[in-house]
Structure formats: C-alpha cells, structure tokens
C-alpha atoms as a PDB file:
ATOM      1  CA  MET A   1       9.362   5.072   6.163  1.00  0.00           C
ATOM      2  CA  ALA A   2      12.190   7.316   8.001  1.00  0.00           C
ATOM      3  CA  GLU A   3      15.066   4.955   6.243  1.00  0.00           C
ATOM      4  CA  LEU A   4      14.115   6.362   3.178  1.00  0.00           C
ATOM      5  CA  GLY A   5      13.523   9.822   4.363  1.00  0.00           C
ATOM      6  CA  LEU A   6       9.537   9.228   4.406  1.00  0.00           C
ATOM      7  CA  ASP A   7       7.479  11.058   7.434  1.00  0.00           C
ATOM      8  CA  ILE A   8       3.668   9.245   7.458  1.00  0.00           C
ATOM      9  CA  ALA A   9       3.532  10.278  11.299  1.00  0.00           C
ATOM     10  CA  GLY A  10       0.669  12.039  10.513  1.00  0.00           C
ATOM     11  CA  HIS A  11      -1.047   9.412   7.742  1.00  0.00           C
ATOM     12  CA  GLU A  12      -4.476   8.516   8.568  1.00  0.00           C
ATOM     13  CA  GLU A  13      -6.389   5.663   7.220  1.00  0.00           C
ATOM     14  CA  HIS A  14      -9.968   6.750   5.732  1.00  0.00           C
ATOM     15  CA  PRO A  15     -12.337   5.196   4.534  1.00  0.00           C
ATOM     16  CA  PHE A  16     -13.803   4.808   1.213  1.00  0.00           C
ATOM     17  CA  GLU A  17     -16.712   6.427   1.392  1.00  0.00           C
ATOM     18  CA  ALA A  18     -14.162  10.019   2.504  1.00  0.00           C
ATOM     19  CA  LEU A  19     -12.346   9.381  -0.749  1.00  0.00           C
ATOM     20  CA  ASP A  20     -13.031  11.569  -3.551  1.00  0.00           C
ATOM     21  CA  ILE A  21     -12.015   8.689  -6.385  1.00  0.00           C
ATOM     22  CA  ALA A  22     -13.918  10.787  -9.817  1.00  0.00           C
ATOM     23  CA  SER A  23     -10.836  11.818 -11.122  1.00  0.00           C
ATOM     24  CA  ASP A  24      -8.780   8.574  -9.724  1.00  0.00           C
ATOM     25  CA  ASP A  25      -7.426   6.376 -12.522  1.00  0.00           C
ATOM     26  CA  LEU A  26      -6.455   3.740 -10.731  1.00  0.00           C
ATOM     27  CA  ILE A  27      -6.972   2.219  -7.095  1.00  0.00           C
ATOM     28  CA  VAL A  28      -5.287  -0.454  -5.246  1.00  0.00           C
ATOM     29  CA  THR A  29      -6.068  -2.939  -3.095  1.00  0.00           C
ATOM     30  CA  PHE A  30      -4.121  -4.804  -0.556  1.00  0.00           C
ATOM     31  CA  THR A  31      -6.772  -6.875   0.795  1.00  0.00           C
ATOM     32  CA  PRO A  32     -10.425  -8.937  -0.547  1.00  0.00           C
ATOM     33  CA  ARG A  33     -12.584  -7.100   1.683  1.00  0.00           C
ATOM     34  CA  ALA A  34     -10.958  -3.691   0.372  1.00  0.00           C
ATOM     35  CA  HIS A  35     -10.934  -4.634  -3.108  1.00  0.00           C
ATOM     36  CA  ASN A  36     -14.630  -5.947  -2.822  1.00  0.00           C
ATOM     37  CA  ARG A  37     -15.598  -2.903  -1.366  1.00  0.00           C
ATOM     38  CA  ALA A  38     -12.855  -0.744  -3.948  1.00  0.00           C
ATOM     39  CA  LEU A  39     -15.035  -2.625  -6.528  1.00  0.00           C
ATOM     40  CA  ALA A  40     -18.388  -1.885  -5.305  1.00  0.00           C
ATOM     41  CA  LEU A  41     -17.586   1.810  -5.264  1.00  0.00           C
ATOM     42  CA  ALA A  42     -15.588   2.118  -8.477  1.00  0.00           C
ATOM     43  CA  ALA A  43     -17.122   3.692 -11.677  1.00  0.00           C
ATOM     44  CA  ALA A  44     -16.731   2.688 -15.437  1.00  0.00           C
ATOM     45  CA  GLY A  45     -13.442   3.244 -16.341  1.00  0.00           C
ATOM     46  CA  LEU A  46     -11.679   3.172 -12.916  1.00  0.00           C
ATOM     47  CA  LEU A  47      -9.510   0.469 -12.173  1.00  0.00           C
ATOM     48  CA  VAL A  48      -8.801  -1.463  -9.534  1.00  0.00           C
ATOM     49  CA  GLU A  49      -6.224  -4.210  -8.819  1.00  0.00           C
ATOM     50  CA  TYR A  50      -5.406  -6.123  -6.035  1.00  0.00           C
ATOM     51  CA  TRP A  51      -2.240  -6.460  -4.897  1.00  0.00           C
ATOM     52  CA  PRO A  52      -1.750  -9.573  -1.187  1.00  0.00           C
ATOM     53  CA  ILE A  53       0.983  -8.380   0.613  1.00  0.00           C
ATOM     54  CA  ALA A  54       2.435 -10.610   3.536  1.00  0.00           C
ATOM     55  CA  ASP A  55       0.401  -9.110   7.284  1.00  0.00           C
ATOM     56  CA  PRO A  56       3.298  -7.586   9.451  1.00  0.00           C
ATOM     57  CA  ALA A  57       0.368  -7.846  11.742  1.00  0.00           C
ATOM     58  CA  ALA A  58       1.291 -11.593  12.025  1.00  0.00           C
ATOM     59  CA  TYR A  59       4.777 -11.088  13.269  1.00  0.00           C
ATOM     60  CA  ASP A  60       3.090  -8.473  16.674  1.00  0.00           C
ATOM     61  CA  GLU A  61       4.102 -11.587  19.356  1.00  0.00           C
ATOM     62  CA  CYS A  62       8.022 -11.657  17.815  1.00  0.00           C
ATOM     63  CA  SER A  63      10.935  -9.852  18.726  1.00  0.00           C
ATOM     64  CA  ARG A  64      11.590  -6.608  17.257  1.00  0.00           C
ATOM     65  CA  ASP A  65      14.241  -7.372  15.061  1.00  0.00           C
ATOM     66  CA  VAL A  66      11.676  -9.752  13.319  1.00  0.00           C
ATOM     67  CA  ARG A  67       8.572  -7.227  13.420  1.00  0.00           C
ATOM     68  CA  LEU A  68      11.522  -4.233  11.886  1.00  0.00           C
ATOM     69  CA  ALA A  69      12.621  -7.256   8.949  1.00  0.00           C
ATOM     70  CA  ALA A  70       8.887  -7.999   8.409  1.00  0.00           C
ATOM     71  CA  TYR A  71       7.897  -4.566   7.848  1.00  0.00           C
ATOM     72  CA  ARG A  72      11.545  -4.286   5.891  1.00  0.00           C
ATOM     73  CA  ALA A  73      10.382  -7.106   4.026  1.00  0.00           C
ATOM     74  CA  LEU A  74       7.221  -5.146   2.945  1.00  0.00           C
ATOM     75  CA  ARG A  75       8.674  -2.150   2.040  1.00  0.00           C
ATOM     76  CA  GLU A  76      10.657  -3.565  -0.299  1.00  0.00           C
ATOM     77  CA  ALA A  77       8.378  -5.287  -2.233  1.00  0.00           C
ATOM     78  CA  LEU A  78       5.714  -2.454  -2.275  1.00  0.00           C
ATOM     79  CA  LEU A  79       8.200  -0.795  -3.727  1.00  0.00           C
ATOM     80  CA  ALA A  80       9.111  -3.333  -6.388  1.00  0.00           C
ATOM     81  CA  ARG A  81       5.848  -3.453  -7.031  1.00  0.00           C
ATOM     82  CA  ILE A  82       5.109   0.569  -7.229  1.00  0.00           C
ATOM     83  CA  ALA A  83       8.094   0.598  -9.266  1.00  0.00           C
ATOM     84  CA  ALA A  84       7.425  -2.651 -12.064  1.00  0.00           C
ATOM     85  CA  ARG A  85       3.861  -0.967 -12.541  1.00  0.00           C
ATOM     86  CA  PHE A  86       4.696   2.996 -13.108  1.00  0.00           C
ATOM     87  CA  PRO A  87       7.949   2.729 -14.373  1.00  0.00           C
ATOM     88  CA  ALA A  88       8.196   6.348 -14.987  1.00  0.00           C
ATOM     89  CA  VAL A  89       7.855   7.227 -11.296  1.00  0.00           C
ATOM     90  CA  ASP A  90      10.477   7.537  -9.516  1.00  0.00           C
ATOM     91  CA  ALA A  91      10.438   4.695  -6.169  1.00  0.00           C
ATOM     92  CA  PRO A  92      12.090   5.909  -2.666  1.00  0.00           C
ATOM     93  CA  GLN A  93      15.932   5.330  -2.847  1.00  0.00           C
ATOM     94  CA  ARG A  94      17.015   3.449   0.678  1.00  0.00           C
ATOM     95  CA  ALA A  95      19.694   5.456   1.952  1.00  0.00           C
END
C-alpha cells in the first residue's frame, strides 16, 4: 500500500467482538468463516457482503517477485471492487 502512499504499518486485526458495529451500514467479509460470523452478529438492516479473494499467502514459498505480484493483484482487485461498489468514493490512485 506504500506504493499508493498509504501507510498501513500500524494496522492491527480486531476480532468481531471488539468492533462497534451498531452504527455501521455494511460489513464486507473476505472469508466464509468471517462471513458467517458477521451474519451471526449483524443486526437487522445491516448488510453483510462476501467478497471472496485469492489468498496471497499461498505464494509464501515463492520468490519475492511472485509474492509481490500476488499482493499487487489482490490490491488492484480490491480497489476495483471498492470503486464498483462505492462509485462516489475516491479510491487511492496508483502513483
């Protein structure tokens, strides 16, 4: 994400129980397990969407270039999906 000027180095994952979703409109999940968990926690009227993604960890044993290509492809796929789902939102542009 640094290639786009975004610093996510301090990002930490949070369990669903730690999230305050009371005022949210939408939860996007990337794995079947997360999707099922979100559905169980979601209040009426809260949308839960499942966006299946390729797991770049499958390339952990590959060369650095192959791993980077996998993560870049994932990033581009997510940016495209975000732009399609939220057309009024300005997604980060590639430098």
